[in-house]
Amino acid sequence: ELSGGWRACRAESQRDGSCTRWLRGPQPSLPTTALATLLAAGELQLPNGDDPYFSDNLAHIPDINVTGASFYTLTWERQMPVEQLSAECREQQTDRAWLRLE
């Protein structure tokens, strides 16, 4: 079960593998996009509501060529019981595991 419990962090808020400022607002529902997460967290203010495709809202979304890639680069984190981790992760006795979805 991978739904719920996720939180997002901008790349520019990460130091030494830890997040210094988690995004506020509703928890992201995965799968999602960085843009949808930033809008839900109130990180981007659009003049006509949160729908980027409504009216001229797209014109008010900062361009990645201006902001830099780190503005739209997010990592998502979720706590999960160790029983849900693979045997390989449990053998390494680490507190972090990468989840690869294909």
C-alpha atoms as a PDB file:
ATOM      1  CA  GLU A   1       0.000   0.000   0.000  1.00  0.00           C
ATOM      2  CA  LEU A   2       1.683   3.185  -1.186  1.00  0.00           C
ATOM      3  CA  SER A   3      -1.153   5.697  -0.988  1.00  0.00           C
ATOM      4  CA  GLY A   4      -1.142   8.374   1.696  1.00  0.00           C
ATOM      5  CA  GLY A   5       1.490   9.531   4.121  1.00  0.00           C
ATOM      6  CA  TRP A   6       3.765  11.166   1.541  1.00  0.00           C
ATOM      7  CA  ARG A   7       5.461  14.525   2.011  1.00  0.00           C
ATOM      8  CA  ALA A   8       7.462  16.550  -0.476  1.00  0.00           C
ATOM      9  CA  CYS A   9      10.658  18.579  -0.262  1.00  0.00           C
ATOM     10  CA  ARG A  10      12.272  20.907  -2.788  1.00  0.00           C
ATOM     11  CA  ALA A  11      15.809  20.039  -3.875  1.00  0.00           C
ATOM     12  CA  GLU A  12      16.979  23.483  -2.727  1.00  0.00           C
ATOM     13  CA  SER A  13      15.777  22.636   0.819  1.00  0.00           C
ATOM     14  CA  GLN A  14      17.858  19.478   1.112  1.00  0.00           C
ATOM     15  CA  ARG A  15      21.089  19.371   3.096  1.00  0.00           C
ATOM     16  CA  ASP A  16      23.148  16.222   3.690  1.00  0.00           C
ATOM     17  CA  GLY A  17      20.284  13.921   2.658  1.00  0.00           C
ATOM     18  CA  SER A  18      17.728  15.578   4.943  1.00  0.00           C
ATOM     19  CA  CYS A  19      15.048  18.120   4.206  1.00  0.00           C
ATOM     20  CA  THR A  20      15.274  21.454   6.010  1.00  0.00           C
ATOM     21  CA  ARG A  21      11.772  22.633   4.993  1.00  0.00           C
ATOM     22  CA  TRP A  22       8.959  20.290   3.981  1.00  0.00           C
ATOM     23  CA  LEU A  23       6.227  21.689   1.751  1.00  0.00           C
ATOM     24  CA  ARG A  24       3.060  22.543   3.635  1.00  0.00           C
ATOM     25  CA  GLY A  25      -0.493  21.939   2.577  1.00  0.00           C
ATOM     26  CA  PRO A  26      -2.249  18.687   1.809  1.00  0.00           C
ATOM     27  CA  GLN A  27      -0.106  15.584   1.583  1.00  0.00           C
ATOM     28  CA  PRO A  28       0.717  14.746  -2.023  1.00  0.00           C
ATOM     29  CA  SER A  29      -1.260  11.951  -3.569  1.00  0.00           C
ATOM     30  CA  LEU A  30       0.992   9.870  -5.787  1.00  0.00           C
ATOM     31  CA  PRO A  31       1.376   9.634  -8.688  1.00  0.00           C
ATOM     32  CA  THR A  32       1.582  13.387  -9.178  1.00  0.00           C
ATOM     33  CA  THR A  33       3.736  16.077 -10.723  1.00  0.00           C
ATOM     34  CA  ALA A  34       6.009  18.679  -9.188  1.00  0.00           C
ATOM     35  CA  LEU A  35       3.696  21.428 -10.503  1.00  0.00           C
ATOM     36  CA  ALA A  36       0.580  19.888  -8.923  1.00  0.00           C
ATOM     37  CA  THR A  37       2.412  19.450  -5.606  1.00  0.00           C
ATOM     38  CA  LEU A  38       3.686  23.054  -5.590  1.00  0.00           C
ATOM     39  CA  LEU A  39       0.193  24.376  -6.375  1.00  0.00           C
ATOM     40  CA  ALA A  40      -1.419  22.268  -3.624  1.00  0.00           C
ATOM     41  CA  ALA A  41       1.207  23.458  -1.124  1.00  0.00           C
ATOM     42  CA  GLY A  42       0.557  27.108  -1.972  1.00  0.00           C
ATOM     43  CA  GLU A  43       4.103  27.595  -3.284  1.00  0.00           C
ATOM     44  CA  LEU A  44       2.772  29.054  -6.533  1.00  0.00           C
ATOM     45  CA  GLN A  45       0.089  31.715  -6.577  1.00  0.00           C
ATOM     46  CA  LEU A  46      -2.099  31.883  -9.682  1.00  0.00           C
ATOM     47  CA  PRO A  47      -4.495  34.782 -10.264  1.00  0.00           C
ATOM     48  CA  ASN A  48      -7.493  32.620 -11.238  1.00  0.00           C
ATOM     49  CA  GLY A  49      -7.494  29.706  -8.781  1.00  0.00           C
ATOM     50  CA  ASP A  50      -5.254  26.649  -8.682  1.00  0.00           C
ATOM     51  CA  ASP A  51      -6.093  25.248 -12.124  1.00  0.00           C
ATOM     52  CA  PRO A  52      -3.066  25.995 -14.327  1.00  0.00           C
ATOM     53  CA  TYR A  53      -5.165  25.550 -17.484  1.00  0.00           C
ATOM     54  CA  PHE A  54      -7.859  28.045 -16.505  1.00  0.00           C
ATOM     55  CA  SER A  55      -7.842  31.485 -18.106  1.00  0.00           C
ATOM     56  CA  ASP A  56      -4.293  32.847 -18.387  1.00  0.00           C
ATOM     57  CA  ASN A  57      -2.861  30.976 -15.378  1.00  0.00           C
ATOM     58  CA  LEU A  58      -0.196  29.231 -17.483  1.00  0.00           C
ATOM     59  CA  ALA A  59       1.357  32.620 -18.203  1.00  0.00           C
ATOM     60  CA  HIS A  60       1.891  33.123 -14.445  1.00  0.00           C
ATOM     61  CA  ILE A  61       3.777  29.859 -13.832  1.00  0.00           C
ATOM     62  CA  PRO A  62       7.523  30.576 -13.570  1.00  0.00           C
ATOM     63  CA  ASP A  63       9.537  29.168 -16.460  1.00  0.00           C
ATOM     64  CA  ILE A  64      12.183  26.582 -15.574  1.00  0.00           C
ATOM     65  CA  ASN A  65      14.704  28.499 -17.720  1.00  0.00           C
ATOM     66  CA  VAL A  66      14.264  31.458 -15.361  1.00  0.00           C
ATOM     67  CA  THR A  67      13.930  29.665 -12.009  1.00  0.00           C
ATOM     68  CA  GLY A  68      16.436  26.861 -12.591  1.00  0.00           C
ATOM     69  CA  ALA A  69      15.754  23.149 -12.349  1.00  0.00           C
ATOM     70  CA  SER A  70      15.940  23.035  -8.534  1.00  0.00           C
ATOM     71  CA  PHE A  71      12.710  25.069  -8.306  1.00  0.00           C
ATOM     72  CA  TYR A  72      10.741  22.170  -9.801  1.00  0.00           C
ATOM     73  CA  THR A  73      12.870  19.308  -8.458  1.00  0.00           C
ATOM     74  CA  LEU A  74      11.134  17.572  -5.555  1.00  0.00           C
ATOM     75  CA  THR A  75      11.693  14.444  -3.552  1.00  0.00           C
ATOM     76  CA  TRP A  76       8.854  12.598  -1.877  1.00  0.00           C
ATOM     77  CA  GLU A  77       9.243  10.727   1.387  1.00  0.00           C
ATOM     78  CA  ARG A  78       7.031   8.334   3.287  1.00  0.00           C
ATOM     79  CA  GLN A  79       7.542   6.266   6.405  1.00  0.00           C
ATOM     80  CA  MET A  80       6.702   2.605   5.903  1.00  0.00           C
ATOM     81  CA  PRO A  81       6.919  -0.488   8.081  1.00  0.00           C
ATOM     82  CA  VAL A  82      10.107  -2.484   7.657  1.00  0.00           C
ATOM     83  CA  GLU A  83       8.005  -5.531   6.729  1.00  0.00           C
ATOM     84  CA  GLN A  84       7.187  -3.819   3.423  1.00  0.00           C
ATOM     85  CA  LEU A  85      10.852  -3.471   2.504  1.00  0.00           C
ATOM     86  CA  SER A  86      12.630  -6.117   0.502  1.00  0.00           C
ATOM     87  CA  ALA A  87      14.827  -8.699   2.185  1.00  0.00           C
ATOM     88  CA  GLU A  88      17.843  -6.987   0.573  1.00  0.00           C
ATOM     89  CA  CYS A  89      17.032  -3.692   2.325  1.00  0.00           C
ATOM     90  CA  ARG A  90      16.497  -5.430   5.656  1.00  0.00           C
ATOM     91  CA  GLU A  91      19.861  -7.215   5.337  1.00  0.00           C
ATOM     92  CA  GLN A  92      21.671  -3.904   4.790  1.00  0.00           C
ATOM     93  CA  GLN A  93      20.204  -2.559   8.045  1.00  0.00           C
ATOM     94  CA  THR A  94      19.773   0.920   6.640  1.00  0.00           C
ATOM     95  CA  ASP A  95      17.194   3.539   7.561  1.00  0.00           C
ATOM     96  CA  ARG A  96      16.663   4.547   3.921  1.00  0.00           C
ATOM     97  CA  ALA A  97      15.458   2.668   0.880  1.00  0.00           C
ATOM     98  CA  TRP A  98      14.908   3.816  -2.690  1.00  0.00           C
ATOM     99  CA  LEU A  99      11.568   2.947  -4.231  1.00  0.00           C
ATOM    100  CA  ARG A 100      11.694   2.384  -7.969  1.00  0.00           C
ATOM    101  CA  LEU A 101       8.347   2.269  -9.765  1.00  0.00           C
ATOM    102  CA  GLU A 102       8.189   0.924 -13.280  1.00  0.00           C
END
